[in-house]
């Protein structure tokens, strides 16, 4: 689950930077930051779901 959210986040980050007319380094940085952020959110959701369902 968190891997999928990380990929979605990286895509959203890249598209956001591209829409703001960023350079290649900007696009890569946005994609990395959004990917990490969404991955952490997915990890927390996974842990919470495991705790609630167990």
Protein backbone atom coordinates (compact mmCIF):
# COMPACT_ATOMS: atom_id res chain seq x y z
CA UNK A 1 0.00 0.00 0.00
CA UNK A 2 2.72 2.46 0.92
CA UNK A 3 4.71 1.66 -2.21
CA UNK A 4 1.72 2.45 -4.41
CA UNK A 5 1.12 5.73 -2.58
CA UNK A 6 4.80 6.60 -2.99
CA UNK A 7 4.58 6.16 -6.75
CA UNK A 8 1.39 8.21 -6.89
CA UNK A 9 3.04 10.92 -4.80
CA UNK A 10 6.10 11.01 -7.03
CA UNK A 11 3.88 11.38 -10.07
CA UNK A 12 1.88 14.18 -8.49
CA UNK A 13 5.08 15.94 -7.40
CA UNK A 14 6.60 15.72 -10.85
CA UNK A 15 3.45 17.01 -12.49
CA UNK A 16 3.23 19.87 -9.98
CA UNK A 17 6.79 21.00 -10.67
CA UNK A 18 6.30 20.68 -14.41
CA UNK A 19 3.10 22.73 -14.24
CA UNK A 20 5.04 25.44 -12.38
CA UNK A 21 7.58 25.40 -15.22
CA UNK A 22 10.41 23.97 -13.11
CA UNK A 23 13.71 22.77 -14.45
CA UNK A 24 14.71 19.11 -14.47
CA UNK A 25 16.28 19.33 -11.00
CA UNK A 26 13.12 20.97 -9.64
CA UNK A 27 10.95 18.23 -11.09
CA UNK A 28 13.19 15.54 -9.59
CA UNK A 29 13.20 17.22 -6.19
CA UNK A 30 9.42 17.65 -6.11
CA UNK A 31 8.94 14.04 -7.20
CA UNK A 32 11.30 12.80 -4.47
CA UNK A 33 9.74 14.89 -1.71
CA UNK A 34 6.16 14.05 -2.65
CA UNK A 35 7.11 10.39 -3.05
CA UNK A 36 8.68 10.25 0.41
CA UNK A 37 5.76 12.14 1.97
CA UNK A 38 3.11 9.90 0.42
CA UNK A 39 5.13 6.79 1.30
CA UNK A 40 5.25 7.83 4.96
CA UNK A 41 1.51 8.52 4.94
CA UNK A 42 0.90 5.09 3.39
CA UNK A 43 3.15 3.45 5.98
CA UNK A 44 1.26 5.11 8.82
CA UNK A 45 -2.08 4.07 7.29
CA UNK A 46 -0.83 0.50 6.94
CA UNK A 47 0.29 0.40 10.59
CA UNK A 48 -3.01 1.88 11.78
CA UNK A 49 -5.03 -0.61 9.74
CA UNK A 50 -2.99 -3.50 11.10
CA UNK A 51 -3.50 -2.29 14.67
CA UNK A 52 -7.24 -1.78 14.22
CA UNK A 53 -7.89 -5.07 12.43
CA UNK A 54 -5.80 -7.23 14.77
